[in-house]
Amino acid sequence: MLAPDQFLAFLLAAVVVTVSPGPDNLMVLAMGMARGRSRGIAFGLGCALGCLSHTALAVIGVSALIAASPPAFTALRVVGGLYLLWLGIQALRSTGGAQVGRAEFTDQPLSALFLKGVLANAVNPKVALFFIAFLPQFVVPAQGSVGLQMALLGLVFTLQSALLFGLLGYFAGAIGQWLQRKPRVGLWLDRIAGSIFVALGLRLIVTR
Protein backbone atom coordinates (compact mmCIF):
# COMPACT_ATOMS: atom_id res chain seq x y z
CA MET A 1 0.00 0.00 0.00
CA LEU A 2 0.95 3.65 -0.27
CA ALA A 3 2.03 5.63 2.78
CA PRO A 4 0.16 8.93 3.32
CA ASP A 5 3.20 11.12 2.63
CA GLN A 6 4.07 9.01 -0.42
CA PHE A 7 0.52 9.36 -1.73
CA LEU A 8 0.30 13.12 -1.15
CA ALA A 9 3.70 13.82 -2.70
CA PHE A 10 2.81 11.81 -5.78
CA LEU A 11 -0.66 13.33 -6.07
CA LEU A 12 0.74 16.87 -5.95
CA ALA A 13 3.30 16.10 -8.64
CA ALA A 14 0.71 14.29 -10.78
CA VAL A 15 -1.74 17.21 -10.61
CA VAL A 16 0.94 19.71 -11.64
CA VAL A 17 1.98 17.47 -14.54
CA THR A 18 -1.63 17.05 -15.66
CA VAL A 19 -2.55 20.75 -15.64
CA SER A 20 0.69 21.90 -17.29
CA PRO A 21 0.08 22.72 -20.98
CA GLY A 22 0.63 19.68 -23.15
CA PRO A 23 -0.87 17.90 -26.18
CA ASP A 24 -3.51 15.97 -24.21
CA ASN A 25 -5.02 18.73 -22.11
CA LEU A 26 -4.88 21.26 -24.95
CA MET A 27 -6.72 18.81 -27.22
CA VAL A 28 -9.35 18.26 -24.52
CA LEU A 29 -9.70 22.02 -24.14
CA ALA A 30 -9.99 22.52 -27.90
CA MET A 31 -12.54 19.72 -28.17
CA GLY A 32 -14.71 21.20 -25.43
CA MET A 33 -14.53 24.67 -26.94
CA ALA A 34 -15.28 23.54 -30.50
CA ARG A 35 -17.69 20.62 -29.95
CA GLY A 36 -19.29 21.22 -26.57
CA ARG A 37 -18.98 19.94 -23.04
CA SER A 38 -20.05 16.34 -23.55
CA ARG A 39 -17.54 15.72 -26.34
CA GLY A 40 -14.76 17.45 -24.41
CA ILE A 41 -15.48 15.28 -21.37
CA ALA A 42 -15.67 12.07 -23.45
CA PHE A 43 -12.35 12.75 -25.16
CA GLY A 44 -10.72 13.79 -21.87
CA LEU A 45 -11.83 10.63 -20.06
CA GLY A 46 -10.44 8.57 -22.92
CA CYS A 47 -7.08 10.32 -22.67
CA ALA A 48 -7.01 9.70 -18.91
CA LEU A 49 -7.84 6.00 -19.16
CA GLY A 50 -5.13 5.55 -21.76
CA CYS A 51 -2.70 5.99 -18.85
CA LEU A 52 -3.64 2.53 -17.59
CA SER A 53 -1.85 0.92 -20.53
CA HIS A 54 1.34 2.79 -19.68
CA THR A 55 0.96 1.83 -16.03
CA ALA A 56 0.70 -1.85 -16.97
CA LEU A 57 3.78 -1.66 -19.18
CA ALA A 58 5.77 0.14 -16.48
CA VAL A 59 4.74 -2.39 -13.81
CA ILE A 60 5.59 -5.39 -16.00
CA GLY A 61 8.88 -3.94 -17.19
CA VAL A 62 10.13 -2.76 -13.80
CA SER A 63 9.01 -5.96 -12.03
CA ALA A 64 10.89 -8.06 -14.57
CA LEU A 65 13.96 -5.85 -14.13
CA ILE A 66 13.91 -6.28 -10.35
CA ALA A 67 13.50 -10.04 -10.66
CA ALA A 68 16.51 -10.18 -12.97
CA SER A 69 18.72 -7.84 -10.93
CA PRO A 70 17.63 -5.87 -7.84
CA PRO A 71 20.48 -3.31 -8.27
CA ALA A 72 19.10 -2.61 -11.72
CA PHE A 73 16.07 -0.99 -10.07
CA THR A 74 18.37 1.58 -8.49
CA ALA A 75 20.00 2.15 -11.87
CA LEU A 76 16.57 2.62 -13.45
CA ARG A 77 15.64 5.22 -10.85
CA VAL A 78 18.85 7.15 -11.52
CA VAL A 79 18.32 7.02 -15.28
CA GLY A 80 14.72 8.07 -14.71
CA GLY A 81 16.00 10.91 -12.54
CA LEU A 82 18.21 12.11 -15.40
CA TYR A 83 15.25 11.97 -17.77
CA LEU A 84 13.05 13.96 -15.36
CA LEU A 85 15.87 16.46 -14.92
CA TRP A 86 16.01 16.90 -18.69
CA LEU A 87 12.23 17.35 -18.84
CA GLY A 88 12.44 19.90 -16.04
CA ILE A 89 15.12 21.95 -17.79
CA GLN A 90 13.06 21.91 -20.99
CA ALA A 91 10.00 23.14 -19.07
CA LEU A 92 11.99 25.86 -17.29
CA ARG A 93 13.29 27.07 -20.65
CA SER A 94 9.80 27.13 -22.16
CA THR A 95 8.50 30.45 -23.42
CA GLY A 96 4.97 29.50 -22.35
CA GLY A 97 2.09 30.93 -24.33
CA ALA A 98 0.10 27.70 -24.63
CA GLN A 99 -2.13 27.96 -27.67
CA VAL A 100 -5.52 26.30 -27.92
CA GLY A 101 -5.97 25.10 -31.46
CA ARG A 102 -9.02 23.82 -33.27
CA ALA A 103 -10.28 20.34 -32.57
CA GLU A 104 -9.67 18.18 -35.62
CA PHE A 105 -12.64 15.87 -35.08
CA THR A 106 -16.05 16.20 -36.65
CA ASP A 107 -19.24 15.66 -34.65
CA GLN A 108 -18.59 12.02 -33.91
CA PRO A 109 -20.45 9.89 -31.34
CA LEU A 110 -19.25 10.22 -27.76
CA SER A 111 -18.08 6.60 -27.74
CA ALA A 112 -15.90 7.22 -30.80
CA LEU A 113 -14.34 10.30 -29.23
CA PHE A 114 -13.73 8.38 -26.01
CA LEU A 115 -11.90 5.63 -27.92
CA LYS A 116 -9.90 8.22 -29.86
CA GLY A 117 -8.78 9.71 -26.55
CA VAL A 118 -7.72 6.29 -25.24
CA LEU A 119 -5.83 5.53 -28.44
CA ALA A 120 -4.18 8.95 -28.65
CA ASN A 121 -2.68 8.45 -25.19
CA ALA A 122 -2.00 4.70 -25.33
CA VAL A 123 0.10 4.81 -28.51
CA ASN A 124 2.18 7.82 -27.49
CA PRO A 125 5.74 6.54 -26.81
CA LYS A 126 6.64 9.74 -24.94
CA VAL A 127 3.92 9.03 -22.37
CA ALA A 128 5.17 5.45 -21.96
CA LEU A 129 8.72 6.69 -21.38
CA PHE A 130 7.46 9.28 -18.91
CA PHE A 131 5.60 6.68 -16.86
CA ILE A 132 8.63 4.37 -16.72
CA ALA A 133 10.73 7.29 -15.46
CA PHE A 134 8.12 8.95 -13.23
CA LEU A 135 6.41 6.17 -11.28
CA PRO A 136 9.55 4.52 -9.81
CA GLN A 137 10.59 7.85 -8.28
CA PHE A 138 7.78 7.48 -5.73
CA VAL A 139 8.26 3.79 -4.97
CA VAL A 140 9.63 2.85 -1.54
CA PRO A 141 10.95 -0.74 -1.78
CA ALA A 142 10.91 -1.13 2.01
CA GLN A 143 7.13 -0.75 1.99
CA GLY A 144 6.51 -3.96 0.08
CA SER A 145 5.80 -4.99 -3.49
CA VAL A 146 7.24 -2.52 -5.97
CA GLY A 147 4.85 -3.72 -8.66
CA LEU A 148 1.81 -3.12 -6.44
CA GLN A 149 3.02 0.33 -5.46
CA MET A 150 3.54 1.29 -9.11
CA ALA A 151 0.11 -0.06 -10.04
CA LEU A 152 -1.50 2.01 -7.28
CA LEU A 153 0.46 5.10 -8.29
CA GLY A 154 -0.61 4.62 -11.90
CA LEU A 155 -4.22 4.26 -10.78
CA VAL A 156 -3.96 7.47 -8.75
CA PHE A 157 -2.51 9.26 -11.78
CA THR A 158 -5.31 7.96 -13.99
CA LEU A 159 -8.08 8.94 -11.56
CA GLN A 160 -6.82 12.47 -11.00
CA SER A 161 -6.33 12.85 -14.78
CA ALA A 162 -9.90 11.71 -15.38
CA LEU A 163 -11.22 14.24 -12.87
CA LEU A 164 -9.14 17.14 -14.16
CA PHE A 165 -9.69 16.34 -17.85
CA GLY A 166 -13.41 15.97 -17.19
CA LEU A 167 -13.52 19.38 -15.53
CA LEU A 168 -11.41 20.81 -18.34
CA GLY A 169 -13.85 19.52 -20.94
CA TYR A 170 -16.85 20.79 -18.95
CA PHE A 171 -15.47 24.30 -18.41
CA ALA A 172 -13.57 24.44 -21.71
CA GLY A 173 -15.22 27.62 -22.98
CA ALA A 174 -14.51 29.72 -19.90
CA ILE A 175 -11.01 28.26 -19.41
CA GLY A 176 -10.11 28.80 -23.07
CA GLN A 177 -11.14 32.45 -22.95
CA TRP A 178 -9.22 32.94 -19.69
CA LEU A 179 -6.05 31.42 -21.16
CA GLN A 180 -6.31 33.64 -24.21
CA ARG A 181 -6.47 36.70 -21.94
CA LYS A 182 -3.61 35.46 -19.72
CA PRO A 183 -1.07 33.74 -21.97
CA ARG A 184 1.61 33.82 -19.24
CA VAL A 185 -0.36 31.30 -17.18
CA GLY A 186 1.06 28.53 -19.33
CA LEU A 187 4.55 29.87 -18.72
CA TRP A 188 4.18 29.70 -14.95
CA LEU A 189 2.60 26.25 -15.04
CA ASP A 190 5.63 25.09 -17.01
CA ARG A 191 7.91 26.71 -14.43
CA ILE A 192 6.19 24.90 -11.56
CA ALA A 193 6.23 21.53 -13.35
CA GLY A 194 9.84 22.06 -14.39
CA SER A 195 10.87 22.82 -10.82
CA ILE A 196 9.21 19.62 -9.58
CA PHE A 197 10.90 17.54 -12.28
CA VAL A 198 14.31 19.06 -11.53
CA ALA A 199 13.89 18.48 -7.78
CA LEU A 200 12.87 14.84 -8.32
CA GLY A 201 15.66 14.26 -10.79
CA LEU A 202 18.36 15.76 -8.56
CA ARG A 203 17.14 13.81 -5.54
CA LEU A 204 17.50 10.53 -7.39
CA ILE A 205 20.88 11.43 -8.87
CA VAL A 206 22.55 12.52 -5.60
CA THR A 207 20.90 10.01 -3.24
CA ARG A 208 22.78 6.78 -2.63
C-alpha atoms as a PDB file:
ATOM      1  CA  MET A   1       0.000   0.000   0.000  1.00  0.00           C
ATOM      2  CA  LEU A   2       0.952   3.650  -0.267  1.00  0.00           C
ATOM      3  CA  ALA A   3       2.032   5.628   2.777  1.00  0.00           C
ATOM      4  CA  PRO A   4       0.161   8.931   3.322  1.00  0.00           C
ATOM      5  CA  ASP A   5       3.204  11.120   2.634  1.00  0.00           C
ATOM      6  CA  GLN A   6       4.073   9.013  -0.416  1.00  0.00           C
ATOM      7  CA  PHE A   7       0.515   9.357  -1.733  1.00  0.00           C
ATOM      8  CA  LEU A   8       0.304  13.121  -1.145  1.00  0.00           C
ATOM      9  CA  ALA A   9       3.701  13.825  -2.699  1.00  0.00           C
ATOM     10  CA  PHE A  10       2.809  11.809  -5.781  1.00  0.00           C
ATOM     11  CA  LEU A  11      -0.659  13.334  -6.071  1.00  0.00           C
ATOM     12  CA  LEU A  12       0.745  16.867  -5.947  1.00  0.00           C
ATOM     13  CA  ALA A  13       3.304  16.099  -8.639  1.00  0.00           C
ATOM     14  CA  ALA A  14       0.707  14.293 -10.778  1.00  0.00           C
ATOM     15  CA  VAL A  15      -1.737  17.207 -10.609  1.00  0.00           C
ATOM     16  CA  VAL A  16       0.936  19.707 -11.638  1.00  0.00           C
ATOM     17  CA  VAL A  17       1.985  17.471 -14.536  1.00  0.00           C
ATOM     18  CA  THR A  18      -1.631  17.047 -15.661  1.00  0.00           C
ATOM     19  CA  VAL A  19      -2.551  20.748 -15.644  1.00  0.00           C
ATOM     20  CA  SER A  20       0.686  21.903 -17.292  1.00  0.00           C
ATOM     21  CA  PRO A  21       0.082  22.724 -20.979  1.00  0.00           C
ATOM     22  CA  GLY A  22       0.627  19.682 -23.151  1.00  0.00           C
ATOM     23  CA  PRO A  23      -0.875  17.901 -26.176  1.00  0.00           C
ATOM     24  CA  ASP A  24      -3.505  15.965 -24.215  1.00  0.00           C
ATOM     25  CA  ASN A  25      -5.024  18.729 -22.112  1.00  0.00           C
ATOM     26  CA  LEU A  26      -4.883  21.262 -24.955  1.00  0.00           C
ATOM     27  CA  MET A  27      -6.719  18.810 -27.221  1.00  0.00           C
ATOM     28  CA  VAL A  28      -9.350  18.261 -24.523  1.00  0.00           C
ATOM     29  CA  LEU A  29      -9.699  22.016 -24.144  1.00  0.00           C
ATOM     30  CA  ALA A  30      -9.987  22.520 -27.896  1.00  0.00           C
ATOM     31  CA  MET A  31     -12.539  19.724 -28.172  1.00  0.00           C
ATOM     32  CA  GLY A  32     -14.709  21.197 -25.431  1.00  0.00           C
ATOM     33  CA  MET A  33     -14.533  24.674 -26.943  1.00  0.00           C
ATOM     34  CA  ALA A  34     -15.279  23.540 -30.499  1.00  0.00           C
ATOM     35  CA  ARG A  35     -17.688  20.624 -29.955  1.00  0.00           C
ATOM     36  CA  GLY A  36     -19.294  21.219 -26.572  1.00  0.00           C
ATOM     37  CA  ARG A  37     -18.976  19.936 -23.043  1.00  0.00           C
ATOM     38  CA  SER A  38     -20.052  16.343 -23.551  1.00  0.00           C
ATOM     39  CA  ARG A  39     -17.539  15.721 -26.338  1.00  0.00           C
ATOM     40  CA  GLY A  40     -14.762  17.452 -24.409  1.00  0.00           C
ATOM     41  CA  ILE A  41     -15.479  15.278 -21.372  1.00  0.00           C
ATOM     42  CA  ALA A  42     -15.670  12.074 -23.455  1.00  0.00           C
ATOM     43  CA  PHE A  43     -12.353  12.750 -25.159  1.00  0.00           C
ATOM     44  CA  GLY A  44     -10.723  13.786 -21.865  1.00  0.00           C
ATOM     45  CA  LEU A  45     -11.828  10.629 -20.060  1.00  0.00           C
ATOM     46  CA  GLY A  46     -10.439   8.566 -22.915  1.00  0.00           C
ATOM     47  CA  CYS A  47      -7.077  10.322 -22.665  1.00  0.00           C
ATOM     48  CA  ALA A  48      -7.007   9.698 -18.913  1.00  0.00           C
ATOM     49  CA  LEU A  49      -7.844   5.997 -19.157  1.00  0.00           C
ATOM     50  CA  GLY A  50      -5.129   5.554 -21.760  1.00  0.00           C
ATOM     51  CA  CYS A  51      -2.699   5.995 -18.849  1.00  0.00           C
ATOM     52  CA  LEU A  52      -3.638   2.529 -17.592  1.00  0.00           C
ATOM     53  CA  SER A  53      -1.853   0.917 -20.528  1.00  0.00           C
ATOM     54  CA  HIS A  54       1.343   2.786 -19.679  1.00  0.00           C
ATOM     55  CA  THR A  55       0.956   1.829 -16.026  1.00  0.00           C
ATOM     56  CA  ALA A  56       0.700  -1.852 -16.970  1.00  0.00           C
ATOM     57  CA  LEU A  57       3.783  -1.656 -19.183  1.00  0.00           C
ATOM     58  CA  ALA A  58       5.767   0.137 -16.480  1.00  0.00           C
ATOM     59  CA  VAL A  59       4.742  -2.393 -13.809  1.00  0.00           C
ATOM     60  CA  ILE A  60       5.585  -5.394 -15.995  1.00  0.00           C
ATOM     61  CA  GLY A  61       8.881  -3.942 -17.189  1.00  0.00           C
ATOM     62  CA  VAL A  62      10.133  -2.762 -13.798  1.00  0.00           C
ATOM     63  CA  SER A  63       9.013  -5.955 -12.030  1.00  0.00           C
ATOM     64  CA  ALA A  64      10.894  -8.063 -14.567  1.00  0.00           C
ATOM     65  CA  LEU A  65      13.956  -5.847 -14.126  1.00  0.00           C
ATOM     66  CA  ILE A  66      13.908  -6.277 -10.350  1.00  0.00           C
ATOM     67  CA  ALA A  67      13.497 -10.041 -10.659  1.00  0.00           C
ATOM     68  CA  ALA A  68      16.507 -10.178 -12.969  1.00  0.00           C
ATOM     69  CA  SER A  69      18.724  -7.838 -10.929  1.00  0.00           C
ATOM     70  CA  PRO A  70      17.631  -5.869  -7.843  1.00  0.00           C
ATOM     71  CA  PRO A  71      20.477  -3.310  -8.266  1.00  0.00           C
ATOM     72  CA  ALA A  72      19.096  -2.609 -11.721  1.00  0.00           C
ATOM     73  CA  PHE A  73      16.068  -0.987 -10.065  1.00  0.00           C
ATOM     74  CA  THR A  74      18.369   1.584  -8.491  1.00  0.00           C
ATOM     75  CA  ALA A  75      20.002   2.148 -11.866  1.00  0.00           C
ATOM     76  CA  LEU A  76      16.570   2.618 -13.446  1.00  0.00           C
ATOM     77  CA  ARG A  77      15.641   5.223 -10.852  1.00  0.00           C
ATOM     78  CA  VAL A  78      18.850   7.150 -11.515  1.00  0.00           C
ATOM     79  CA  VAL A  79      18.324   7.016 -15.278  1.00  0.00           C
ATOM     80  CA  GLY A  80      14.720   8.073 -14.713  1.00  0.00           C
ATOM     81  CA  GLY A  81      16.002  10.910 -12.539  1.00  0.00           C
ATOM     82  CA  LEU A  82      18.215  12.113 -15.403  1.00  0.00           C
ATOM     83  CA  TYR A  83      15.247  11.969 -17.769  1.00  0.00           C
ATOM     84  CA  LEU A  84      13.054  13.956 -15.360  1.00  0.00           C
ATOM     85  CA  LEU A  85      15.871  16.461 -14.915  1.00  0.00           C
ATOM     86  CA  TRP A  86      16.012  16.903 -18.686  1.00  0.00           C
ATOM     87  CA  LEU A  87      12.227  17.353 -18.839  1.00  0.00           C
ATOM     88  CA  GLY A  88      12.437  19.895 -16.035  1.00  0.00           C
ATOM     89  CA  ILE A  89      15.119  21.947 -17.786  1.00  0.00           C
ATOM     90  CA  GLN A  90      13.058  21.915 -20.988  1.00  0.00           C
ATOM     91  CA  ALA A  91      10.000  23.143 -19.071  1.00  0.00           C
ATOM     92  CA  LEU A  92      11.989  25.856 -17.293  1.00  0.00           C
ATOM     93  CA  ARG A  93      13.295  27.072 -20.650  1.00  0.00           C
ATOM     94  CA  SER A  94       9.805  27.126 -22.156  1.00  0.00           C
ATOM     95  CA  THR A  95       8.502  30.446 -23.421  1.00  0.00           C
ATOM     96  CA  GLY A  96       4.971  29.503 -22.345  1.00  0.00           C
ATOM     97  CA  GLY A  97       2.092  30.932 -24.333  1.00  0.00           C
ATOM     98  CA  ALA A  98       0.097  27.704 -24.628  1.00  0.00           C
ATOM     99  CA  GLN A  99      -2.134  27.957 -27.667  1.00  0.00           C
ATOM    100  CA  VAL A 100      -5.522  26.296 -27.916  1.00  0.00           C
ATOM    101  CA  GLY A 101      -5.969  25.105 -31.464  1.00  0.00           C
ATOM    102  CA  ARG A 102      -9.021  23.818 -33.267  1.00  0.00           C
ATOM    103  CA  ALA A 103     -10.279  20.338 -32.573  1.00  0.00           C
ATOM    104  CA  GLU A 104      -9.674  18.177 -35.621  1.00  0.00           C
ATOM    105  CA  PHE A 105     -12.643  15.866 -35.081  1.00  0.00           C
ATOM    106  CA  THR A 106     -16.053  16.199 -36.653  1.00  0.00           C
ATOM    107  CA  ASP A 107     -19.242  15.663 -34.649  1.00  0.00           C
ATOM    108  CA  GLN A 108     -18.595  12.016 -33.913  1.00  0.00           C
ATOM    109  CA  PRO A 109     -20.446   9.891 -31.335  1.00  0.00           C
ATOM    110  CA  LEU A 110     -19.250  10.216 -27.761  1.00  0.00           C
ATOM    111  CA  SER A 111     -18.080   6.596 -27.741  1.00  0.00           C
ATOM    112  CA  ALA A 112     -15.903   7.224 -30.805  1.00  0.00           C
ATOM    113  CA  LEU A 113     -14.336  10.300 -29.227  1.00  0.00           C
ATOM    114  CA  PHE A 114     -13.725   8.379 -26.008  1.00  0.00           C
ATOM    115  CA  LEU A 115     -11.902   5.626 -27.925  1.00  0.00           C
ATOM    116  CA  LYS A 116      -9.903   8.222 -29.864  1.00  0.00           C
ATOM    117  CA  GLY A 117      -8.778   9.706 -26.552  1.00  0.00           C
ATOM    118  CA  VAL A 118      -7.723   6.287 -25.239  1.00  0.00           C
ATOM    119  CA  LEU A 119      -5.827   5.525 -28.441  1.00  0.00           C
ATOM    120  CA  ALA A 120      -4.184   8.955 -28.648  1.00  0.00           C
ATOM    121  CA  ASN A 121      -2.685   8.447 -25.195  1.00  0.00           C
ATOM    122  CA  ALA A 122      -1.997   4.701 -25.327  1.00  0.00           C
ATOM    123  CA  VAL A 123       0.096   4.808 -28.511  1.00  0.00           C
ATOM    124  CA  ASN A 124       2.181   7.823 -27.489  1.00  0.00           C
ATOM    125  CA  PRO A 125       5.735   6.542 -26.813  1.00  0.00           C
ATOM    126  CA  LYS A 126       6.642   9.743 -24.944  1.00  0.00           C
ATOM    127  CA  VAL A 127       3.924   9.031 -22.372  1.00  0.00           C
ATOM    128  CA  ALA A 128       5.174   5.448 -21.962  1.00  0.00           C
ATOM    129  CA  LEU A 129       8.715   6.689 -21.380  1.00  0.00           C
ATOM    130  CA  PHE A 130       7.465   9.283 -18.912  1.00  0.00           C
ATOM    131  CA  PHE A 131       5.601   6.677 -16.861  1.00  0.00           C
ATOM    132  CA  ILE A 132       8.629   4.370 -16.721  1.00  0.00           C
ATOM    133  CA  ALA A 133      10.730   7.289 -15.456  1.00  0.00           C
ATOM    134  CA  PHE A 134       8.118   8.954 -13.232  1.00  0.00           C
ATOM    135  CA  LEU A 135       6.412   6.169 -11.283  1.00  0.00           C
ATOM    136  CA  PRO A 136       9.546   4.522  -9.808  1.00  0.00           C
ATOM    137  CA  GLN A 137      10.587   7.851  -8.278  1.00  0.00           C
ATOM    138  CA  PHE A 138       7.779   7.480  -5.731  1.00  0.00           C
ATOM    139  CA  VAL A 139       8.262   3.791  -4.974  1.00  0.00           C
ATOM    140  CA  VAL A 140       9.629   2.847  -1.539  1.00  0.00           C
ATOM    141  CA  PRO A 141      10.954  -0.736  -1.781  1.00  0.00           C
ATOM    142  CA  ALA A 142      10.913  -1.133   2.014  1.00  0.00           C
ATOM    143  CA  GLN A 143       7.129  -0.746   1.986  1.00  0.00           C
ATOM    144  CA  GLY A 144       6.514  -3.957   0.080  1.00  0.00           C
ATOM    145  CA  SER A 145       5.798  -4.989  -3.491  1.00  0.00           C
ATOM    146  CA  VAL A 146       7.241  -2.516  -5.966  1.00  0.00           C
ATOM    147  CA  GLY A 147       4.847  -3.716  -8.663  1.00  0.00           C
ATOM    148  CA  LEU A 148       1.808  -3.124  -6.445  1.00  0.00           C
ATOM    149  CA  GLN A 149       3.018   0.330  -5.464  1.00  0.00           C
ATOM    150  CA  MET A 150       3.540   1.287  -9.114  1.00  0.00           C
ATOM    151  CA  ALA A 151       0.112  -0.062 -10.039  1.00  0.00           C
ATOM    152  CA  LEU A 152      -1.499   2.006  -7.281  1.00  0.00           C
ATOM    153  CA  LEU A 153       0.457   5.104  -8.289  1.00  0.00           C
ATOM    154  CA  GLY A 154      -0.615   4.621 -11.899  1.00  0.00           C
ATOM    155  CA  LEU A 155      -4.223   4.264 -10.785  1.00  0.00           C
ATOM    156  CA  VAL A 156      -3.963   7.465  -8.749  1.00  0.00           C
ATOM    157  CA  PHE A 157      -2.509   9.263 -11.775  1.00  0.00           C
ATOM    158  CA  THR A 158      -5.314   7.961 -13.986  1.00  0.00           C
ATOM    159  CA  LEU A 159      -8.077   8.942 -11.556  1.00  0.00           C
ATOM    160  CA  GLN A 160      -6.819  12.468 -11.003  1.00  0.00           C
ATOM    161  CA  SER A 161      -6.334  12.852 -14.777  1.00  0.00           C
ATOM    162  CA  ALA A 162      -9.904  11.705 -15.384  1.00  0.00           C
ATOM    163  CA  LEU A 163     -11.218  14.236 -12.867  1.00  0.00           C
ATOM    164  CA  LEU A 164      -9.138  17.144 -14.155  1.00  0.00           C
ATOM    165  CA  PHE A 165      -9.690  16.344 -17.849  1.00  0.00           C
ATOM    166  CA  GLY A 166     -13.414  15.967 -17.186  1.00  0.00           C
ATOM    167  CA  LEU A 167     -13.519  19.378 -15.526  1.00  0.00           C
ATOM    168  CA  LEU A 168     -11.415  20.812 -18.337  1.00  0.00           C
ATOM    169  CA  GLY A 169     -13.850  19.521 -20.936  1.00  0.00           C
ATOM    170  CA  TYR A 170     -16.847  20.795 -18.953  1.00  0.00           C
ATOM    171  CA  PHE A 171     -15.474  24.303 -18.414  1.00  0.00           C
ATOM    172  CA  ALA A 172     -13.567  24.443 -21.709  1.00  0.00           C
ATOM    173  CA  GLY A 173     -15.223  27.620 -22.977  1.00  0.00           C
ATOM    174  CA  ALA A 174     -14.509  29.720 -19.903  1.00  0.00           C
ATOM    175  CA  ILE A 175     -11.007  28.259 -19.411  1.00  0.00           C
ATOM    176  CA  GLY A 176     -10.110  28.802 -23.066  1.00  0.00           C
ATOM    177  CA  GLN A 177     -11.139  32.452 -22.948  1.00  0.00           C
ATOM    178  CA  TRP A 178      -9.216  32.944 -19.695  1.00  0.00           C
ATOM    179  CA  LEU A 179      -6.047  31.423 -21.159  1.00  0.00           C
ATOM    180  CA  GLN A 180      -6.313  33.639 -24.208  1.00  0.00           C
ATOM    181  CA  ARG A 181      -6.466  36.699 -21.938  1.00  0.00           C
ATOM    182  CA  LYS A 182      -3.614  35.462 -19.724  1.00  0.00           C
ATOM    183  CA  PRO A 183      -1.066  33.737 -21.969  1.00  0.00           C
ATOM    184  CA  ARG A 184       1.612  33.824 -19.238  1.00  0.00           C
ATOM    185  CA  VAL A 185      -0.364  31.301 -17.180  1.00  0.00           C
ATOM    186  CA  GLY A 186       1.056  28.528 -19.334  1.00  0.00           C
ATOM    187  CA  LEU A 187       4.548  29.867 -18.722  1.00  0.00           C
ATOM    188  CA  TRP A 188       4.177  29.698 -14.946  1.00  0.00           C
ATOM    189  CA  LEU A 189       2.599  26.251 -15.039  1.00  0.00           C
ATOM    190  CA  ASP A 190       5.631  25.095 -17.008  1.00  0.00           C
ATOM    191  CA  ARG A 191       7.911  26.712 -14.432  1.00  0.00           C
ATOM    192  CA  ILE A 192       6.191  24.896 -11.564  1.00  0.00           C
ATOM    193  CA  ALA A 193       6.227  21.531 -13.355  1.00  0.00           C
ATOM    194  CA  GLY A 194       9.840  22.063 -14.386  1.00  0.00           C
ATOM    195  CA  SER A 195      10.873  22.819 -10.822  1.00  0.00           C
ATOM    196  CA  ILE A 196       9.214  19.617  -9.581  1.00  0.00           C
ATOM    197  CA  PHE A 197      10.902  17.542 -12.282  1.00  0.00           C
ATOM    198  CA  VAL A 198      14.311  19.064 -11.533  1.00  0.00           C
ATOM    199  CA  ALA A 199      13.888  18.476  -7.783  1.00  0.00           C
ATOM    200  CA  LEU A 200      12.866  14.845  -8.325  1.00  0.00           C
ATOM    201  CA  GLY A 201      15.664  14.256 -10.788  1.00  0.00           C
ATOM    202  CA  LEU A 202      18.357  15.761  -8.562  1.00  0.00           C
ATOM    203  CA  ARG A 203      17.138  13.811  -5.539  1.00  0.00           C
ATOM    204  CA  LEU A 204      17.504  10.527  -7.393  1.00  0.00           C
ATOM    205  CA  ILE A 205      20.882  11.433  -8.873  1.00  0.00           C
ATOM    206  CA  VAL A 206      22.551  12.518  -5.604  1.00  0.00           C
ATOM    207  CA  THR A 207      20.897  10.010  -3.239  1.00  0.00           C
ATOM    208  CA  ARG A 208      22.781   6.781  -2.634  1.00  0.00           C
END
